[in-house]
Amino acid sequence: MTNANAEATTVVGAWFRQRLPEDWTRTPAEVTVDREEIVVVLTLDLPQDDPSDGDDAAAAALAEARAGFIARFREETRSHRIAIAREAEHRYRRKVAWGVRIGGHEELFTHLAVPVMTRLRQPERQVLDTLVDAGVARSRAHALAWCVRLVGDNASSWLGELREAMEKVERVREAGPDRG
């Protein structure tokens, strides 16, 4: 996250912490900001415990209970979330997306899919085409998004170190002599 995005996340997060209803924020909402979008993820508690015996039927029942709970929360809070999102969109000039987290499961509601242009050489295109041909992805664009998610999931510590290094470079630039 760049320094500007980190600052925006802090400022916007502070606004959301005060704006969100208390019954939605027993655990503080996670707010993430980039150039186009604000994503607000609420942590909810499912009103039953995880199965500890490893029973497949109990795990399936829990997954269905979680899906039903998320669907109910989404519908019951829709008008209130829309009102808050409109305020934030007007205030911060970015779209707002919502999501929930229950245990280790996270589900994002409607959020932006921003087009990104890139030039790929044949070896990279062949990787994407293999994913499409194997049925892993619907299209090259979907395959590319899948690859980005996979890298993000498997390289989070490396990406974190890279973001920290970028923040240090930004601080050094800011402390440097005036180029004016």
N, C-alpha and C. Protein backbone atom coordinates (compact mmCIF):
# COMPACT_ATOMS: atom_id res chain seq x y z
N MET A 1 0.85 -1.17 0.00
CA MET A 1 0.00 0.00 0.00
C MET A 1 0.90 1.23 0.00
N THR A 2 0.64 2.16 -0.91
CA THR A 2 1.46 3.36 -0.95
C THR A 2 1.15 4.23 0.24
N ASN A 3 2.03 5.19 0.49
CA ASN A 3 1.84 6.10 1.61
C ASN A 3 0.52 6.85 1.49
N ALA A 4 0.18 7.30 0.27
CA ALA A 4 -1.08 8.02 0.06
C ALA A 4 -2.27 7.11 0.36
N ASN A 5 -2.22 5.85 -0.07
CA ASN A 5 -3.31 4.93 0.22
C ASN A 5 -3.40 4.62 1.70
N ALA A 6 -2.24 4.51 2.38
CA ALA A 6 -2.24 4.25 3.82
C ALA A 6 -2.89 5.41 4.57
N GLU A 7 -2.55 6.64 4.17
CA GLU A 7 -3.15 7.81 4.81
C GLU A 7 -4.65 7.86 4.55
N ALA A 8 -5.06 7.59 3.30
CA ALA A 8 -6.48 7.60 2.96
C ALA A 8 -7.21 6.52 3.75
N THR A 9 -6.61 5.35 3.89
CA THR A 9 -7.24 4.27 4.65
C THR A 9 -7.42 4.68 6.10
N THR A 10 -6.44 5.34 6.69
CA THR A 10 -6.55 5.80 8.08
C THR A 10 -7.67 6.81 8.23
N VAL A 11 -7.71 7.80 7.35
CA VAL A 11 -8.72 8.87 7.43
C VAL A 11 -10.12 8.31 7.17
N VAL A 12 -10.27 7.56 6.09
CA VAL A 12 -11.58 7.00 5.74
C VAL A 12 -12.02 5.99 6.79
N GLY A 13 -11.08 5.18 7.30
CA GLY A 13 -11.40 4.22 8.34
C GLY A 13 -11.93 4.90 9.59
N ALA A 14 -11.34 6.03 9.96
CA ALA A 14 -11.81 6.78 11.14
C ALA A 14 -13.26 7.24 10.94
N TRP A 15 -13.56 7.71 9.73
CA TRP A 15 -14.93 8.16 9.43
C TRP A 15 -15.90 6.99 9.55
N PHE A 16 -15.57 5.85 8.95
CA PHE A 16 -16.46 4.69 9.00
C PHE A 16 -16.63 4.18 10.42
N ARG A 17 -15.56 4.19 11.23
CA ARG A 17 -15.69 3.71 12.61
C ARG A 17 -16.73 4.51 13.39
N GLN A 18 -16.85 5.79 13.09
CA GLN A 18 -17.84 6.62 13.79
C GLN A 18 -19.21 6.55 13.12
N ARG A 19 -19.26 6.24 11.84
CA ARG A 19 -20.50 6.29 11.08
C ARG A 19 -21.30 4.98 11.13
N LEU A 20 -20.62 3.86 11.26
CA LEU A 20 -21.30 2.56 11.23
C LEU A 20 -22.08 2.31 12.51
N PRO A 21 -23.23 1.65 12.41
CA PRO A 21 -24.00 1.31 13.62
C PRO A 21 -23.20 0.41 14.54
N GLU A 22 -23.39 0.59 15.84
CA GLU A 22 -22.64 -0.17 16.83
C GLU A 22 -22.87 -1.67 16.71
N ASP A 23 -24.09 -2.09 16.37
CA ASP A 23 -24.35 -3.53 16.29
C ASP A 23 -23.67 -4.19 15.09
N TRP A 24 -23.10 -3.41 14.17
CA TRP A 24 -22.33 -3.96 13.05
C TRP A 24 -20.85 -4.03 13.39
N THR A 25 -20.42 -3.38 14.46
CA THR A 25 -18.99 -3.17 14.67
C THR A 25 -18.51 -3.62 16.05
N ARG A 26 -18.99 -4.78 16.49
CA ARG A 26 -18.44 -5.30 17.75
C ARG A 26 -16.94 -5.50 17.61
N THR A 27 -16.53 -5.91 16.42
CA THR A 27 -15.13 -5.92 16.03
C THR A 27 -14.98 -4.80 15.02
N PRO A 28 -13.97 -3.93 15.14
CA PRO A 28 -13.87 -2.80 14.20
C PRO A 28 -13.85 -3.26 12.74
N ALA A 29 -14.54 -2.51 11.90
CA ALA A 29 -14.58 -2.82 10.48
C ALA A 29 -13.19 -2.66 9.88
N GLU A 30 -12.88 -3.50 8.91
CA GLU A 30 -11.62 -3.38 8.16
C GLU A 30 -11.91 -2.53 6.93
N VAL A 31 -11.25 -1.40 6.82
CA VAL A 31 -11.46 -0.48 5.70
C VAL A 31 -10.19 -0.42 4.87
N THR A 32 -10.34 -0.66 3.57
CA THR A 32 -9.21 -0.61 2.65
C THR A 32 -9.56 0.37 1.53
N VAL A 33 -8.59 1.22 1.18
CA VAL A 33 -8.82 2.26 0.18
C VAL A 33 -7.76 2.15 -0.91
N ASP A 34 -8.20 2.23 -2.17
CA ASP A 34 -7.27 2.40 -3.27
C ASP A 34 -7.76 3.56 -4.12
N ARG A 35 -7.25 3.71 -5.32
CA ARG A 35 -7.59 4.87 -6.16
C ARG A 35 -9.06 4.94 -6.53
N GLU A 36 -9.70 3.77 -6.69
CA GLU A 36 -11.07 3.75 -7.18
C GLU A 36 -12.12 3.40 -6.15
N GLU A 37 -11.73 2.70 -5.10
CA GLU A 37 -12.75 2.05 -4.27
C GLU A 37 -12.38 2.03 -2.79
N ILE A 38 -13.42 2.05 -1.97
CA ILE A 38 -13.31 1.83 -0.53
C ILE A 38 -14.02 0.50 -0.26
N VAL A 39 -13.32 -0.43 0.38
CA VAL A 39 -13.92 -1.71 0.72
C VAL A 39 -14.03 -1.77 2.25
N VAL A 40 -15.26 -2.01 2.72
CA VAL A 40 -15.53 -2.10 4.15
C VAL A 40 -15.93 -3.55 4.45
N VAL A 41 -15.12 -4.22 5.28
CA VAL A 41 -15.41 -5.60 5.64
C VAL A 41 -15.78 -5.64 7.12
N LEU A 42 -16.98 -6.12 7.38
CA LEU A 42 -17.50 -6.23 8.74
C LEU A 42 -17.28 -7.65 9.25
N THR A 43 -16.84 -7.79 10.48
CA THR A 43 -16.66 -9.11 11.09
C THR A 43 -17.91 -9.44 11.87
N LEU A 44 -18.54 -10.55 11.51
CA LEU A 44 -19.78 -10.98 12.15
C LEU A 44 -19.54 -12.29 12.89
N ASP A 45 -20.35 -12.53 13.89
CA ASP A 45 -20.30 -13.79 14.63
C ASP A 45 -21.51 -14.62 14.26
N LEU A 46 -21.27 -15.83 13.79
CA LEU A 46 -22.35 -16.75 13.48
C LEU A 46 -22.92 -17.25 14.80
N PRO A 47 -24.23 -17.22 14.96
CA PRO A 47 -24.80 -17.60 16.25
C PRO A 47 -24.78 -19.11 16.52
N GLN A 48 -23.67 -19.78 16.18
CA GLN A 48 -23.43 -21.17 16.57
C GLN A 48 -21.94 -21.45 16.43
N ASP A 49 -21.48 -22.49 17.08
CA ASP A 49 -20.05 -22.81 17.11
C ASP A 49 -19.64 -23.64 15.90
N ASP A 50 -18.33 -23.60 15.60
CA ASP A 50 -17.76 -24.44 14.56
C ASP A 50 -17.81 -25.89 15.02
N PRO A 51 -18.00 -26.82 14.08
CA PRO A 51 -17.97 -28.23 14.49
C PRO A 51 -16.53 -28.63 14.83
N SER A 52 -16.35 -29.25 15.98
CA SER A 52 -14.99 -29.61 16.39
C SER A 52 -14.69 -31.07 16.12
N ASP A 53 -15.71 -31.86 15.80
CA ASP A 53 -15.49 -33.29 15.61
C ASP A 53 -15.07 -33.65 14.19
N GLY A 54 -15.02 -32.68 13.27
CA GLY A 54 -14.57 -32.94 11.92
C GLY A 54 -15.60 -33.67 11.08
N ASP A 55 -16.82 -33.77 11.54
CA ASP A 55 -17.91 -34.44 10.82
C ASP A 55 -18.24 -33.65 9.56
N ASP A 56 -18.21 -34.34 8.40
CA ASP A 56 -18.49 -33.68 7.13
C ASP A 56 -19.89 -33.08 7.08
N ALA A 57 -20.87 -33.77 7.64
CA ALA A 57 -22.25 -33.28 7.64
C ALA A 57 -22.36 -32.02 8.49
N ALA A 58 -21.69 -32.01 9.63
CA ALA A 58 -21.72 -30.83 10.49
C ALA A 58 -21.02 -29.65 9.81
N ALA A 59 -19.91 -29.92 9.11
CA ALA A 59 -19.20 -28.85 8.40
C ALA A 59 -20.05 -28.30 7.27
N ALA A 60 -20.75 -29.18 6.55
CA ALA A 60 -21.63 -28.73 5.47
C ALA A 60 -22.79 -27.91 6.03
N ALA A 61 -23.34 -28.35 7.16
CA ALA A 61 -24.44 -27.61 7.79
C ALA A 61 -23.96 -26.23 8.24
N LEU A 62 -22.75 -26.17 8.78
CA LEU A 62 -22.20 -24.88 9.20
C LEU A 62 -22.00 -23.95 8.00
N ALA A 63 -21.50 -24.49 6.89
CA ALA A 63 -21.30 -23.68 5.68
C ALA A 63 -22.64 -23.13 5.19
N GLU A 64 -23.67 -23.94 5.22
CA GLU A 64 -25.00 -23.47 4.79
C GLU A 64 -25.57 -22.46 5.77
N ALA A 65 -25.35 -22.68 7.05
CA ALA A 65 -25.82 -21.72 8.05
C ALA A 65 -25.13 -20.38 7.86
N ARG A 66 -23.84 -20.42 7.60
CA ARG A 66 -23.08 -19.20 7.36
C ARG A 66 -23.60 -18.48 6.11
N ALA A 67 -23.84 -19.22 5.04
CA ALA A 67 -24.36 -18.62 3.81
C ALA A 67 -25.71 -17.97 4.04
N GLY A 68 -26.58 -18.64 4.79
CA GLY A 68 -27.89 -18.07 5.10
C GLY A 68 -27.79 -16.83 5.97
N PHE A 69 -26.90 -16.87 6.95
CA PHE A 69 -26.70 -15.72 7.84
C PHE A 69 -26.18 -14.51 7.06
N ILE A 70 -25.22 -14.75 6.15
CA ILE A 70 -24.68 -13.66 5.33
C ILE A 70 -25.77 -13.10 4.43
N ALA A 71 -26.55 -13.97 3.80
CA ALA A 71 -27.64 -13.51 2.92
C ALA A 71 -28.65 -12.66 3.69
N ARG A 72 -29.02 -13.11 4.89
CA ARG A 72 -29.97 -12.35 5.70
C ARG A 72 -29.38 -11.00 6.10
N PHE A 73 -28.13 -10.99 6.57
CA PHE A 73 -27.48 -9.73 6.95
C PHE A 73 -27.45 -8.79 5.76
N ARG A 74 -27.08 -9.29 4.59
CA ARG A 74 -26.97 -8.46 3.39
C ARG A 74 -28.31 -7.82 3.06
N GLU A 75 -29.38 -8.59 3.08
CA GLU A 75 -30.71 -8.06 2.75
C GLU A 75 -31.23 -7.10 3.82
N GLU A 76 -31.08 -7.47 5.09
CA GLU A 76 -31.61 -6.64 6.17
C GLU A 76 -30.90 -5.31 6.31
N THR A 77 -29.63 -5.23 5.89
CA THR A 77 -28.85 -4.00 6.06
C THR A 77 -28.70 -3.21 4.76
N ARG A 78 -29.28 -3.71 3.67
CA ARG A 78 -29.05 -3.12 2.35
C ARG A 78 -29.33 -1.61 2.31
N SER A 79 -30.50 -1.18 2.74
CA SER A 79 -30.84 0.25 2.62
C SER A 79 -29.92 1.11 3.49
N HIS A 80 -29.57 0.60 4.66
CA HIS A 80 -28.69 1.36 5.55
C HIS A 80 -27.27 1.44 4.96
N ARG A 81 -26.78 0.33 4.41
CA ARG A 81 -25.46 0.31 3.78
C ARG A 81 -25.42 1.25 2.57
N ILE A 82 -26.50 1.27 1.80
CA ILE A 82 -26.55 2.15 0.63
C ILE A 82 -26.49 3.61 1.06
N ALA A 83 -27.21 3.95 2.10
CA ALA A 83 -27.21 5.34 2.59
C ALA A 83 -25.80 5.75 3.06
N ILE A 84 -25.15 4.88 3.81
CA ILE A 84 -23.79 5.18 4.29
C ILE A 84 -22.84 5.27 3.10
N ALA A 85 -22.97 4.34 2.14
CA ALA A 85 -22.09 4.35 0.97
C ALA A 85 -22.26 5.65 0.18
N ARG A 86 -23.48 6.11 0.01
CA ARG A 86 -23.70 7.36 -0.73
C ARG A 86 -23.01 8.53 -0.05
N GLU A 87 -23.11 8.58 1.27
CA GLU A 87 -22.41 9.65 2.01
C GLU A 87 -20.91 9.58 1.76
N ALA A 88 -20.35 8.37 1.90
CA ALA A 88 -18.90 8.19 1.73
C ALA A 88 -18.47 8.46 0.30
N GLU A 89 -19.26 8.02 -0.67
CA GLU A 89 -18.92 8.26 -2.08
C GLU A 89 -18.89 9.75 -2.39
N HIS A 90 -19.83 10.48 -1.83
CA HIS A 90 -19.85 11.94 -2.02
C HIS A 90 -18.65 12.59 -1.32
N ARG A 91 -18.35 12.11 -0.13
CA ARG A 91 -17.28 12.70 0.67
C ARG A 91 -15.89 12.39 0.13
N TYR A 92 -15.67 11.13 -0.32
CA TYR A 92 -14.32 10.68 -0.69
C TYR A 92 -14.13 10.45 -2.19
N ARG A 93 -15.18 10.63 -2.99
CA ARG A 93 -15.09 10.50 -4.45
C ARG A 93 -14.59 9.12 -4.90
N ARG A 94 -15.03 8.09 -4.18
CA ARG A 94 -14.71 6.71 -4.53
C ARG A 94 -15.95 5.87 -4.29
N LYS A 95 -16.09 4.80 -5.03
CA LYS A 95 -17.18 3.85 -4.81
C LYS A 95 -16.93 3.09 -3.52
N VAL A 96 -18.00 2.62 -2.88
CA VAL A 96 -17.89 1.85 -1.65
C VAL A 96 -18.42 0.43 -1.90
N ALA A 97 -17.65 -0.54 -1.49
CA ALA A 97 -18.06 -1.95 -1.55
C ALA A 97 -18.10 -2.49 -0.13
N TRP A 98 -18.94 -3.47 0.08
CA TRP A 98 -19.12 -4.05 1.40
C TRP A 98 -18.79 -5.54 1.38
N GLY A 99 -18.38 -6.04 2.51
CA GLY A 99 -18.15 -7.46 2.67
C GLY A 99 -18.29 -7.85 4.12
N VAL A 100 -18.34 -9.15 4.36
CA VAL A 100 -18.41 -9.65 5.73
C VAL A 100 -17.39 -10.77 5.90
N ARG A 101 -16.96 -10.94 7.14
CA ARG A 101 -16.05 -12.03 7.50
C ARG A 101 -16.67 -12.76 8.69
N ILE A 102 -16.76 -14.07 8.54
CA ILE A 102 -17.23 -14.93 9.64
C ILE A 102 -16.18 -16.01 9.77
N GLY A 103 -15.48 -16.01 10.90
CA GLY A 103 -14.40 -16.97 11.07
C GLY A 103 -13.37 -16.76 9.98
N GLY A 104 -12.99 -17.79 9.28
CA GLY A 104 -12.01 -17.68 8.21
C GLY A 104 -12.63 -17.42 6.85
N HIS A 105 -13.95 -17.28 6.79
CA HIS A 105 -14.65 -17.08 5.52
C HIS A 105 -14.93 -15.60 5.31
N GLU A 106 -14.56 -15.10 4.12
CA GLU A 106 -14.84 -13.70 3.77
C GLU A 106 -15.63 -13.67 2.48
N GLU A 107 -16.66 -12.83 2.44
CA GLU A 107 -17.47 -12.69 1.23
C GLU A 107 -17.66 -11.20 0.95
N LEU A 108 -17.26 -10.79 -0.25
CA LEU A 108 -17.46 -9.41 -0.68
C LEU A 108 -18.74 -9.32 -1.47
N PHE A 109 -19.52 -8.26 -1.19
CA PHE A 109 -20.72 -8.01 -1.96
C PHE A 109 -20.28 -7.27 -3.23
N THR A 110 -21.19 -6.71 -3.95
CA THR A 110 -20.87 -6.05 -5.22
C THR A 110 -19.69 -5.10 -5.04
N HIS A 111 -18.65 -5.33 -5.85
CA HIS A 111 -17.48 -4.46 -5.80
C HIS A 111 -16.94 -4.29 -7.21
N LEU A 112 -16.07 -3.31 -7.37
CA LEU A 112 -15.59 -2.95 -8.70
C LEU A 112 -14.66 -4.01 -9.29
N ALA A 113 -14.77 -4.17 -10.58
CA ALA A 113 -13.79 -4.93 -11.36
C ALA A 113 -13.23 -3.92 -12.35
N VAL A 114 -12.05 -3.43 -12.07
CA VAL A 114 -11.44 -2.35 -12.84
C VAL A 114 -10.61 -2.94 -13.98
N PRO A 115 -10.85 -2.48 -15.22
CA PRO A 115 -10.04 -3.01 -16.32
C PRO A 115 -8.59 -2.55 -16.20
N VAL A 116 -7.68 -3.46 -16.53
CA VAL A 116 -6.26 -3.17 -16.50
C VAL A 116 -5.69 -3.61 -17.83
N MET A 117 -4.98 -2.72 -18.48
CA MET A 117 -4.37 -3.07 -19.77
C MET A 117 -2.95 -3.56 -19.54
N THR A 118 -2.57 -4.56 -20.30
CA THR A 118 -1.21 -5.08 -20.20
C THR A 118 -0.81 -5.68 -21.54
N ARG A 119 0.46 -5.79 -21.74
CA ARG A 119 0.99 -6.47 -22.93
C ARG A 119 1.68 -7.73 -22.46
N LEU A 120 1.27 -8.83 -23.02
CA LEU A 120 1.86 -10.11 -22.64
C LEU A 120 2.54 -10.75 -23.84
N ARG A 121 3.67 -11.34 -23.60
CA ARG A 121 4.38 -12.08 -24.64
C ARG A 121 3.78 -13.49 -24.72
N GLN A 122 4.16 -14.21 -25.74
CA GLN A 122 3.56 -15.51 -25.99
C GLN A 122 3.64 -16.46 -24.80
N PRO A 123 4.79 -16.58 -24.10
CA PRO A 123 4.81 -17.52 -22.96
C PRO A 123 3.76 -17.19 -21.89
N GLU A 124 3.56 -15.89 -21.61
CA GLU A 124 2.55 -15.50 -20.62
C GLU A 124 1.14 -15.79 -21.15
N ARG A 125 0.91 -15.53 -22.44
CA ARG A 125 -0.40 -15.81 -23.03
C ARG A 125 -0.69 -17.30 -23.01
N GLN A 126 0.35 -18.11 -23.20
CA GLN A 126 0.16 -19.56 -23.19
C GLN A 126 -0.27 -20.04 -21.79
N VAL A 127 0.27 -19.41 -20.76
CA VAL A 127 -0.16 -19.77 -19.40
C VAL A 127 -1.64 -19.46 -19.24
N LEU A 128 -2.06 -18.28 -19.66
CA LEU A 128 -3.47 -17.91 -19.55
C LEU A 128 -4.35 -18.84 -20.38
N ASP A 129 -3.91 -19.14 -21.60
CA ASP A 129 -4.70 -20.02 -22.47
C ASP A 129 -4.82 -21.42 -21.89
N THR A 130 -3.77 -21.90 -21.23
CA THR A 130 -3.83 -23.22 -20.59
C THR A 130 -4.89 -23.22 -19.49
N LEU A 131 -4.94 -22.16 -18.71
CA LEU A 131 -5.95 -22.06 -17.65
C LEU A 131 -7.36 -22.03 -18.24
N VAL A 132 -7.52 -21.34 -19.36
CA VAL A 132 -8.83 -21.29 -20.03
C VAL A 132 -9.17 -22.66 -20.60
N ASP A 133 -8.24 -23.27 -21.30
CA ASP A 133 -8.48 -24.58 -21.92
C ASP A 133 -8.78 -25.66 -20.88
N ALA A 134 -8.18 -25.54 -19.71
CA ALA A 134 -8.39 -26.53 -18.64
C ALA A 134 -9.68 -26.28 -17.87
N GLY A 135 -10.36 -25.18 -18.17
CA GLY A 135 -11.61 -24.88 -17.47
C GLY A 135 -11.43 -24.20 -16.13
N VAL A 136 -10.20 -23.81 -15.81
CA VAL A 136 -9.94 -23.11 -14.55
C VAL A 136 -10.47 -21.69 -14.63
N ALA A 137 -10.43 -21.10 -15.84
CA ALA A 137 -10.88 -19.73 -16.05
C ALA A 137 -11.77 -19.67 -17.29
N ARG A 138 -12.66 -18.68 -17.32
CA ARG A 138 -13.58 -18.50 -18.44
C ARG A 138 -12.93 -17.79 -19.62
N SER A 139 -11.96 -16.94 -19.32
CA SER A 139 -11.34 -16.11 -20.35
C SER A 139 -9.92 -15.76 -19.91
N ARG A 140 -9.17 -15.13 -20.81
CA ARG A 140 -7.83 -14.68 -20.44
C ARG A 140 -7.90 -13.69 -19.28
N ALA A 141 -8.88 -12.79 -19.33
CA ALA A 141 -9.02 -11.80 -18.24
C ALA A 141 -9.28 -12.50 -16.91
N HIS A 142 -10.17 -13.50 -16.92
CA HIS A 142 -10.46 -14.24 -15.71
C HIS A 142 -9.22 -15.01 -15.25
N ALA A 143 -8.47 -15.58 -16.19
CA ALA A 143 -7.25 -16.32 -15.86
C ALA A 143 -6.21 -15.39 -15.23
N LEU A 144 -6.09 -14.19 -15.77
CA LEU A 144 -5.13 -13.22 -15.22
C LEU A 144 -5.53 -12.83 -13.79
N ALA A 145 -6.82 -12.61 -13.57
CA ALA A 145 -7.29 -12.29 -12.22
C ALA A 145 -7.01 -13.46 -11.27
N TRP A 146 -7.21 -14.68 -11.75
CA TRP A 146 -6.95 -15.87 -10.95
C TRP A 146 -5.47 -15.92 -10.57
N CYS A 147 -4.58 -15.63 -11.53
CA CYS A 147 -3.14 -15.64 -11.26
C CYS A 147 -2.76 -14.58 -10.22
N VAL A 148 -3.35 -13.40 -10.34
CA VAL A 148 -3.06 -12.32 -9.39
C VAL A 148 -3.51 -12.73 -7.99
N ARG A 149 -4.71 -13.33 -7.86
CA ARG A 149 -5.18 -13.80 -6.56
C ARG A 149 -4.25 -14.86 -5.99
N LEU A 150 -3.81 -15.78 -6.85
CA LEU A 150 -2.92 -16.85 -6.40
C LEU A 150 -1.60 -16.29 -5.88
N VAL A 151 -1.03 -15.35 -6.60
CA VAL A 151 0.21 -14.71 -6.14
C VAL A 151 -0.04 -13.98 -4.83
N GLY A 152 -1.14 -13.24 -4.76
CA GLY A 152 -1.46 -12.52 -3.53
C GLY A 152 -1.61 -13.44 -2.34
N ASP A 153 -2.26 -14.59 -2.54
CA ASP A 153 -2.45 -15.55 -1.45
C ASP A 153 -1.15 -16.20 -1.02
N ASN A 154 -0.27 -16.48 -1.98
CA ASN A 154 0.94 -17.24 -1.68
C ASN A 154 2.17 -16.39 -1.43
N ALA A 155 2.07 -15.11 -1.68
CA ALA A 155 3.25 -14.25 -1.52
C ALA A 155 2.95 -13.06 -0.62
N SER A 156 1.99 -13.24 0.30
CA SER A 156 1.57 -12.10 1.12
C SER A 156 2.71 -11.52 1.96
N SER A 157 3.58 -12.36 2.51
CA SER A 157 4.68 -11.81 3.32
C SER A 157 5.64 -11.04 2.43
N TRP A 158 5.94 -11.56 1.24
CA TRP A 158 6.83 -10.86 0.31
C TRP A 158 6.20 -9.54 -0.13
N LEU A 159 4.91 -9.56 -0.46
CA LEU A 159 4.23 -8.32 -0.86
C LEU A 159 4.21 -7.32 0.29
N GLY A 160 4.05 -7.80 1.52
CA GLY A 160 4.09 -6.92 2.69
C GLY A 160 5.44 -6.25 2.84
N GLU A 161 6.51 -7.02 2.66
CA GLU A 161 7.86 -6.44 2.72
C GLU A 161 8.07 -5.42 1.61
N LEU A 162 7.56 -5.71 0.43
CA LEU A 162 7.68 -4.78 -0.70
C LEU A 162 6.93 -3.48 -0.40
N ARG A 163 5.73 -3.59 0.16
CA ARG A 163 4.96 -2.38 0.52
C ARG A 163 5.69 -1.56 1.59
N GLU A 164 6.27 -2.24 2.58
CA GLU A 164 7.04 -1.54 3.61
C GLU A 164 8.23 -0.80 2.99
N ALA A 165 8.91 -1.44 2.07
CA ALA A 165 10.05 -0.81 1.40
C ALA A 165 9.60 0.42 0.61
N MET A 166 8.45 0.31 -0.05
CA MET A 166 7.92 1.46 -0.80
C MET A 166 7.59 2.62 0.13
N GLU A 167 7.05 2.31 1.31
CA GLU A 167 6.75 3.35 2.29
C GLU A 167 8.02 4.03 2.77
N LYS A 168 9.09 3.25 2.98
CA LYS A 168 10.37 3.83 3.40
C LYS A 168 10.93 4.75 2.32
N VAL A 169 10.83 4.34 1.06
CA VAL A 169 11.30 5.18 -0.05
C VAL A 169 10.50 6.49 -0.07
N GLU A 170 9.20 6.41 0.14
CA GLU A 170 8.36 7.61 0.15
C GLU A 170 8.77 8.55 1.28
N ARG A 171 9.07 8.00 2.47
CA ARG A 171 9.50 8.84 3.59
C ARG A 171 10.84 9.51 3.29
N VAL A 172 11.76 8.79 2.67
CA VAL A 172 13.06 9.35 2.32
C VAL A 172 12.87 10.48 1.29
N ARG A 173 12.02 10.27 0.30
CA ARG A 173 11.75 11.32 -0.69
C ARG A 173 11.21 12.58 -0.02
N GLU A 174 10.26 12.39 0.89
CA GLU A 174 9.64 13.52 1.58
C GLU A 174 10.65 14.28 2.44
N ALA A 175 11.63 13.57 3.01
CA ALA A 175 12.64 14.19 3.87
C ALA A 175 13.77 14.83 3.06
N GLY A 176 13.81 14.53 1.77
CA GLY A 176 14.92 15.03 0.93
C GLY A 176 14.85 16.53 0.69
N PRO A 177 15.88 17.03 0.03
CA PRO A 177 15.94 18.48 -0.25
C PRO A 177 14.82 18.89 -1.20
N ASP A 178 14.44 20.13 -1.08
CA ASP A 178 13.38 20.68 -1.94
C ASP A 178 13.90 20.78 -3.36
N ARG A 179 13.18 20.18 -4.30
CA ARG A 179 13.60 20.20 -5.69
C ARG A 179 13.14 21.45 -6.43
N GLY A 180 12.37 22.32 -5.73
CA GLY A 180 11.76 23.49 -6.35
C GLY A 180 12.72 24.37 -7.01
